[in-house]
Amino acid sequence: MSDEIMTYSSGGEEILSGSCLSDDHEPEILSLRPMFISDYIGQGEVVETLKIAIEAAKQRGEPIDHVLFHGPPGLGKTTLAHIIANETGSNLTVTSGPALEKGGDLIGILTHLEEGDILFIDEIHRTPKTVEEFLYPAMEDFAIDFVFDKGVNARSHRYRLKRFVLVGATTRVGLLSAPLRERFGIFRTLDFYSEKELMVIVRRSASLLKIEIGEEAAYELSRRSRGTPRIVNRLLKRVRDYAQVRGDGVINKKTVKEALALEGVDEKGLTTLDCRYLKTVIEFYKGGPVGIEAIAATLQEEADTLVDVVEPFLLKIGFIVRTSSGRKASEEAYRHLGYSIE
């Protein structure tokens, strides 16, 4: 066979060619995710810890310690994993706890990692126990143990891995087993963002999306975003669409209010599900205390969804209180929803 590249055609167009085609020059999907630590906004203590760890590791010529990020969804855990990979010039492999169903799934990933590569496991607390046990020697000794055969013929073989960095992310750190949690060298909690920090994110995202947004509009968007960058970026795109179709393309305070009213987001940033949660506690259970399973059954939602997505922000702004007997609605929640306090 000739050494030349074979070229096939369909309808007169080349499918494989040695020259660049128009599709090769198309830009990738625009990402609002910051790529380097200098671009990252907020989480000052977390960022400073990573800066020191990365710089020290570079000076020693070795990978950084394993890192565990904990916090509600949308605060930047995945973004920080990408930043660590970019700052260290390493390859990043992304997976999640639920995706690792069998030990073989994890072993296949680990054996393909090169020296200094980053393995990011999202929702690491949902990793099956049998898979998690393979992580213990992998994280500590950079090795995995295989057992061949069974019974009297059983024998063990240790396979050496390249030295990699595990970055884990979890929304529920209490569900992590102690042996796994203690093997992380860096453990940082991400907190909700301030309105000022979110305004900086809004302006940066608007610049990347090439849209105009006024100061008042940026503030209005920020204060309704539940202290979460992922939400502020999502709402910004919805407001952009609304301004493009129903306005003049410029985002102002009025546009933000109208667009978010359409999205079901109120002035405190509460969604329809948040309001249903609070009304359930107040109307069905007289303000509480009530258990999360009872609330989930009444709302016909998963209890994990309420614990991971709904409750963190409601707890943050003081609309609900967790007690030993269950959840209670606060006086602020009553007032916000227009209920009289008995």
Protein backbone atom coordinates (compact mmCIF):
# COMPACT_ATOMS: atom_id res chain seq x y z
CA MET A 1 0.00 0.00 0.00
CA SER A 2 1.23 3.48 -0.81
CA ASP A 3 2.63 5.63 2.02
CA GLU A 4 0.49 8.53 0.82
CA ILE A 5 -2.62 9.52 2.82
CA MET A 6 -5.71 7.99 1.27
CA THR A 7 -8.40 10.54 0.35
CA TYR A 8 -12.05 9.61 0.11
CA SER A 9 -14.71 11.80 -1.40
CA SER A 10 -18.46 12.05 -1.21
CA GLY A 11 -20.29 14.37 -3.54
CA GLY A 12 -17.00 15.85 -4.68
CA GLU A 13 -15.85 16.93 -1.15
CA GLU A 14 -12.73 15.50 0.44
CA ILE A 15 -13.28 13.78 3.78
CA LEU A 16 -9.60 13.32 4.61
CA SER A 17 -7.07 15.82 3.39
CA GLY A 18 -3.56 16.90 4.20
CA SER A 19 -4.59 20.56 4.28
CA CYS A 20 -6.64 22.45 6.89
CA LEU A 21 -10.35 22.65 6.23
CA SER A 22 -12.75 25.37 7.37
CA ASP A 23 -13.95 23.21 10.30
CA ASP A 24 -10.39 23.03 11.64
CA HIS A 25 -10.39 26.78 12.24
CA GLU A 26 -13.70 26.93 14.09
CA PRO A 27 -13.29 28.11 17.73
CA GLU A 28 -14.07 25.77 20.59
CA ILE A 29 -17.22 26.28 22.65
CA LEU A 30 -16.78 29.43 24.73
CA SER A 31 -16.12 28.60 28.38
CA LEU A 32 -16.53 31.12 31.18
CA ARG A 33 -14.29 28.96 33.39
CA PRO A 34 -11.03 30.72 34.42
CA MET A 35 -7.98 28.74 33.30
CA PHE A 36 -5.29 30.07 35.64
CA ILE A 37 -5.17 30.96 39.31
CA SER A 38 -4.59 34.66 38.55
CA ASP A 39 -8.01 34.75 36.83
CA TYR A 40 -9.83 33.03 39.67
CA ILE A 41 -12.13 35.29 41.69
CA GLY A 42 -12.97 34.80 45.38
CA GLN A 43 -12.10 32.00 47.86
CA GLY A 44 -9.01 33.96 48.95
CA GLU A 45 -7.67 31.50 51.54
CA VAL A 46 -8.19 28.49 49.26
CA VAL A 47 -6.41 30.23 46.38
CA GLU A 48 -3.50 31.28 48.61
CA THR A 49 -3.11 27.70 49.88
CA LEU A 50 -2.99 26.38 46.31
CA LYS A 51 -0.52 29.05 45.19
CA ILE A 52 1.90 28.08 47.97
CA ALA A 53 1.46 24.34 47.39
CA ILE A 54 1.94 24.62 43.62
CA GLU A 55 4.98 26.90 43.90
CA ALA A 56 6.62 24.69 46.55
CA ALA A 57 6.01 21.56 44.45
CA LYS A 58 7.52 23.25 41.37
CA GLN A 59 10.62 24.21 43.32
CA ARG A 60 11.03 20.62 44.53
CA GLY A 61 10.26 19.23 41.08
CA GLU A 62 7.49 16.95 42.31
CA PRO A 63 3.67 16.81 42.17
CA ILE A 64 1.57 18.54 44.83
CA ASP A 65 -0.24 16.63 47.58
CA HIS A 66 -3.68 15.14 47.00
CA VAL A 67 -6.39 17.81 47.30
CA LEU A 68 -9.97 17.60 48.59
CA PHE A 69 -12.48 20.41 47.98
CA HIS A 70 -15.73 20.53 49.93
CA GLY A 71 -18.68 22.86 49.50
CA PRO A 72 -22.12 23.34 47.91
CA PRO A 73 -22.50 22.86 44.13
CA GLY A 74 -21.38 25.61 41.76
CA LEU A 75 -18.68 27.27 43.88
CA GLY A 76 -15.70 26.32 41.70
CA LYS A 77 -14.44 22.90 42.79
CA THR A 78 -14.17 21.57 39.24
CA THR A 79 -12.70 24.87 38.05
CA LEU A 80 -9.94 24.64 40.68
CA ALA A 81 -9.07 21.13 39.47
CA HIS A 82 -8.63 22.49 35.92
CA ILE A 83 -6.54 25.37 37.28
CA ILE A 84 -4.24 23.00 39.19
CA ALA A 85 -3.68 21.03 35.99
CA ASN A 86 -2.98 24.18 33.97
CA GLU A 87 -0.67 25.71 36.57
CA THR A 88 1.38 22.53 36.88
CA GLY A 89 1.34 21.78 33.14
CA SER A 90 -0.23 18.37 33.79
CA ASN A 91 -2.83 16.31 31.99
CA LEU A 92 -6.27 16.21 33.64
CA THR A 93 -8.49 13.13 33.75
CA VAL A 94 -12.05 13.79 34.92
CA THR A 95 -14.49 11.24 36.34
CA SER A 96 -17.04 11.00 39.14
CA GLY A 97 -17.80 8.70 42.05
CA PRO A 98 -20.99 7.20 40.58
CA ALA A 99 -19.21 6.50 37.26
CA LEU A 100 -16.67 4.23 38.98
CA GLU A 101 -18.96 1.22 39.35
CA LYS A 102 -16.26 -1.47 39.53
CA GLY A 103 -12.67 -1.68 40.70
CA GLY A 104 -11.63 -2.33 37.11
CA ASP A 105 -12.97 1.08 36.07
CA LEU A 106 -10.63 2.85 38.51
CA ILE A 107 -7.67 0.55 37.80
CA GLY A 108 -7.96 1.26 34.07
CA ILE A 109 -7.77 5.01 34.73
CA LEU A 110 -4.94 4.80 37.28
CA THR A 111 -2.68 2.62 35.10
CA HIS A 112 -2.90 5.12 32.23
CA LEU A 113 -1.85 8.14 34.31
CA GLU A 114 1.60 9.56 33.65
CA GLU A 115 3.97 11.16 36.17
CA GLY A 116 2.35 14.26 37.71
CA ASP A 117 -1.05 13.79 36.02
CA ILE A 118 -4.18 15.03 37.79
CA LEU A 119 -7.12 12.69 38.44
CA PHE A 120 -10.27 14.62 39.37
CA ILE A 121 -13.12 12.67 40.99
CA ASP A 122 -16.29 14.70 41.38
CA GLU A 123 -18.84 13.65 44.04
CA ILE A 124 -16.13 11.42 45.48
CA HIS A 125 -18.33 10.54 48.47
CA ARG A 126 -20.51 8.48 46.09
CA THR A 127 -17.64 6.17 45.11
CA PRO A 128 -18.62 2.53 45.90
CA LYS A 129 -16.81 1.07 48.92
CA THR A 130 -15.18 -1.72 46.90
CA VAL A 131 -13.73 0.86 44.48
CA GLU A 132 -12.69 3.23 47.26
CA GLU A 133 -10.46 0.56 48.80
CA PHE A 134 -8.32 0.55 45.64
CA LEU A 135 -7.67 4.25 46.25
CA TYR A 136 -6.00 3.73 49.63
CA PRO A 137 -2.72 2.17 48.40
CA ALA A 138 -2.90 4.20 45.17
CA MET A 139 -2.92 7.50 47.08
CA GLU A 140 -0.45 6.51 49.78
CA ASP A 141 2.02 4.18 48.06
CA PHE A 142 1.21 4.84 44.36
CA ALA A 143 0.48 1.17 43.86
CA ILE A 144 -2.51 -1.11 43.39
CA ASP A 145 -2.82 -4.70 44.54
CA PHE A 146 -4.32 -7.42 42.32
CA VAL A 147 -5.50 -10.76 43.67
CA PHE A 148 -5.34 -13.69 41.23
CA ASP A 149 -7.32 -16.90 41.54
CA LYS A 150 -9.27 -17.90 44.64
CA GLY A 151 -8.96 -20.04 47.72
CA VAL A 152 -5.68 -21.89 48.22
CA ASN A 153 -4.43 -20.72 44.80
CA ALA A 154 -4.96 -17.01 45.58
CA ARG A 155 -1.90 -14.81 45.12
CA SER A 156 -1.35 -11.09 45.21
CA HIS A 157 0.56 -8.86 42.82
CA ARG A 158 1.44 -5.21 43.42
CA TYR A 159 1.48 -2.94 40.37
CA ARG A 160 3.45 0.32 40.67
CA LEU A 161 1.75 3.49 39.46
CA LYS A 162 3.27 6.73 38.24
CA ARG A 163 3.09 9.44 40.91
CA PHE A 164 -0.20 11.24 40.28
CA VAL A 165 -2.33 13.81 42.11
CA LEU A 166 -5.88 13.01 43.17
CA VAL A 167 -8.23 16.00 43.38
CA GLY A 168 -11.53 15.11 44.99
CA ALA A 169 -14.69 17.21 45.22
CA THR A 170 -17.65 16.58 47.48
CA THR A 171 -20.80 18.36 48.56
CA ARG A 172 -21.16 16.12 51.62
CA VAL A 173 -17.83 15.60 53.32
CA GLY A 174 -19.47 13.82 56.24
CA LEU A 175 -20.21 10.85 53.97
CA LEU A 176 -16.51 10.35 53.19
CA SER A 177 -14.91 7.51 55.10
CA ALA A 178 -12.17 8.51 57.55
CA PRO A 179 -9.44 6.41 55.82
CA LEU A 180 -10.07 8.19 52.51
CA ARG A 181 -10.44 11.68 53.99
CA GLU A 182 -7.19 11.40 55.95
CA ARG A 183 -5.16 10.54 52.86
CA PHE A 184 -5.64 14.01 51.39
CA GLY A 185 -2.78 16.40 52.13
CA ILE A 186 -4.79 19.56 51.32
CA PHE A 187 -8.38 19.86 52.54
CA ARG A 188 -10.23 23.11 51.86
CA THR A 189 -13.85 24.21 52.19
CA LEU A 190 -15.36 26.57 49.61
CA ASP A 191 -17.91 29.08 50.90
CA PHE A 192 -20.62 31.15 49.22
CA TYR A 193 -19.49 34.28 47.37
CA SER A 194 -20.23 37.86 48.39
CA GLU A 195 -22.27 40.13 46.12
CA LYS A 196 -19.14 42.19 45.43
CA GLU A 197 -17.24 39.11 44.21
CA LEU A 198 -20.18 38.01 42.08
CA MET A 199 -20.30 41.44 40.44
CA VAL A 200 -16.69 40.99 39.35
CA ILE A 201 -17.61 37.58 37.90
CA VAL A 202 -20.65 39.07 36.11
CA ARG A 203 -18.53 41.79 34.47
CA ARG A 204 -15.87 39.28 33.43
CA SER A 205 -18.44 36.87 31.98
CA ALA A 206 -20.28 39.70 30.20
CA SER A 207 -16.98 40.78 28.64
CA LEU A 208 -16.31 37.22 27.40
CA LEU A 209 -19.85 36.98 26.03
CA LYS A 210 -19.44 40.42 24.40
CA ILE A 211 -22.53 41.93 26.00
CA GLU A 212 -23.07 45.25 27.78
CA ILE A 213 -24.28 45.32 31.37
CA GLY A 214 -24.73 48.33 33.65
CA GLU A 215 -23.54 48.60 37.26
CA GLU A 216 -27.07 48.43 38.70
CA ALA A 217 -27.93 45.45 36.52
CA ALA A 218 -24.75 43.63 37.62
CA TYR A 219 -25.64 44.22 41.27
CA GLU A 220 -29.24 43.08 40.78
CA LEU A 221 -28.04 39.91 39.09
CA SER A 222 -25.42 39.25 41.77
CA ARG A 223 -27.75 39.58 44.75
CA ARG A 224 -30.19 37.10 43.22
CA SER A 225 -27.58 34.43 42.45
CA ARG A 226 -27.50 32.63 45.81
CA GLY A 227 -23.81 33.45 46.29
CA THR A 228 -22.92 30.96 43.54
CA PRO A 229 -20.81 31.69 40.41
CA ARG A 230 -22.43 28.89 38.38
CA ILE A 231 -25.87 30.38 39.01
CA VAL A 232 -24.81 33.96 38.25
CA ASN A 233 -23.36 32.83 34.89
CA ARG A 234 -26.47 30.81 34.07
CA LEU A 235 -28.78 33.72 34.91
CA LEU A 236 -26.57 36.12 32.94
CA LYS A 237 -27.11 34.02 29.81
CA ARG A 238 -30.87 33.95 30.36
CA VAL A 239 -30.95 37.73 30.87
CA ARG A 240 -28.85 38.13 27.72
CA ASP A 241 -31.40 36.13 25.74
CA TYR A 242 -34.27 38.20 27.17
CA ALA A 243 -32.51 41.49 26.39
CA GLN A 244 -31.76 40.32 22.86
CA VAL A 245 -35.35 39.28 22.09
CA ARG A 246 -37.47 41.62 24.24
CA GLY A 247 -35.09 44.58 24.68
CA ASP A 248 -32.43 46.53 22.85
CA GLY A 249 -29.60 44.11 23.61
CA VAL A 250 -28.29 46.12 26.58
CA ILE A 251 -28.80 44.61 30.03
CA ASN A 252 -30.17 47.10 32.57
CA LYS A 253 -31.84 46.71 35.97
CA LYS A 254 -35.34 46.56 34.48
CA THR A 255 -34.30 43.84 32.03
CA VAL A 256 -32.77 41.77 34.83
CA LYS A 257 -35.93 42.00 36.96
CA GLU A 258 -38.22 41.04 34.08
CA ALA A 259 -36.00 38.17 32.91
CA LEU A 260 -35.56 36.70 36.40
CA ALA A 261 -39.28 36.98 37.12
CA LEU A 262 -39.77 34.82 34.05
CA GLU A 263 -37.17 32.37 35.42
CA GLY A 264 -38.99 32.15 38.77
CA VAL A 265 -36.17 33.76 40.76
CA ASP A 266 -37.30 36.23 43.43
CA GLU A 267 -35.47 39.18 45.01
CA LYS A 268 -33.63 36.96 47.51
CA GLY A 269 -32.59 34.53 44.79
CA LEU A 270 -35.08 31.88 45.88
CA THR A 271 -36.34 29.56 43.17
CA THR A 272 -39.75 27.95 42.87
CA LEU A 273 -38.40 24.82 44.60
CA ASP A 274 -37.02 26.89 47.50
CA CYS A 275 -40.39 28.55 48.02
CA ARG A 276 -42.22 25.21 47.81
CA TYR A 277 -39.81 23.80 50.41
CA LEU A 278 -40.44 26.69 52.82
CA LYS A 279 -44.21 26.68 52.25
CA THR A 280 -44.30 22.94 52.93
CA VAL A 281 -42.56 23.40 56.28
CA ILE A 282 -44.79 26.36 57.21
CA GLU A 283 -48.18 25.16 55.92
CA PHE A 284 -48.03 21.37 56.25
CA TYR A 285 -45.88 21.10 59.35
CA LYS A 286 -46.71 24.34 61.20
CA GLY A 287 -43.21 25.69 60.74
CA GLY A 288 -41.47 22.53 62.00
CA PRO A 289 -39.53 20.84 63.32
CA VAL A 290 -39.90 18.22 60.59
CA GLY A 291 -37.57 15.58 59.17
CA ILE A 292 -36.06 15.92 55.69
CA GLU A 293 -37.61 12.64 54.53
CA ALA A 294 -41.09 13.95 55.36
CA ILE A 295 -40.44 17.17 53.42
CA ALA A 296 -39.06 15.20 50.45
CA ALA A 297 -42.10 12.91 50.42
CA THR A 298 -44.49 15.87 50.48
CA LEU A 299 -42.62 17.66 47.67
CA GLN A 300 -42.06 14.41 45.74
CA GLU A 301 -38.37 15.29 45.45
CA GLU A 302 -35.25 13.32 46.36
CA ALA A 303 -34.01 14.02 49.88
CA ASP A 304 -30.44 14.29 48.54
CA THR A 305 -31.54 17.06 46.15
CA LEU A 306 -32.99 19.06 49.03
CA VAL A 307 -29.93 18.54 51.23
CA ASP A 308 -27.34 19.30 48.52
CA VAL A 309 -29.08 21.96 46.43
CA VAL A 310 -31.85 23.67 48.41
CA GLU A 311 -30.84 23.68 52.06
CA PRO A 312 -27.27 25.12 51.98
CA PHE A 313 -28.43 28.56 50.80
CA LEU A 314 -31.54 28.60 53.00
CA LEU A 315 -29.32 27.82 55.98
CA LYS A 316 -26.84 30.49 54.91
CA ILE A 317 -29.47 33.26 54.82
CA GLY A 318 -31.16 32.00 57.98
CA PHE A 319 -34.50 30.95 56.46
CA ILE A 320 -34.36 27.48 57.99
CA VAL A 321 -32.77 26.07 61.12
CA ARG A 322 -31.59 22.52 61.64
CA THR A 323 -32.39 21.08 65.06
CA SER A 324 -32.08 17.62 66.58
CA SER A 325 -35.81 17.17 65.89
CA GLY A 326 -35.66 18.31 62.24
CA ARG A 327 -35.95 21.48 60.13
CA LYS A 328 -37.70 24.64 61.31
CA ALA A 329 -38.66 27.75 59.31
CA SER A 330 -37.34 31.00 60.77
CA GLU A 331 -39.25 34.24 61.30
CA GLU A 332 -37.37 35.73 58.30
CA ALA A 333 -38.81 32.99 56.09
CA TYR A 334 -42.33 33.74 57.34
CA ARG A 335 -41.92 37.44 56.61
CA HIS A 336 -40.35 36.92 53.18
CA LEU A 337 -43.22 34.70 52.02
CA GLY A 338 -45.87 36.99 53.53
CA TYR A 339 -46.99 34.74 56.38
CA SER A 340 -48.04 36.19 59.73
CA ILE A 341 -45.98 35.07 62.72
CA GLU A 342 -48.20 33.57 65.38
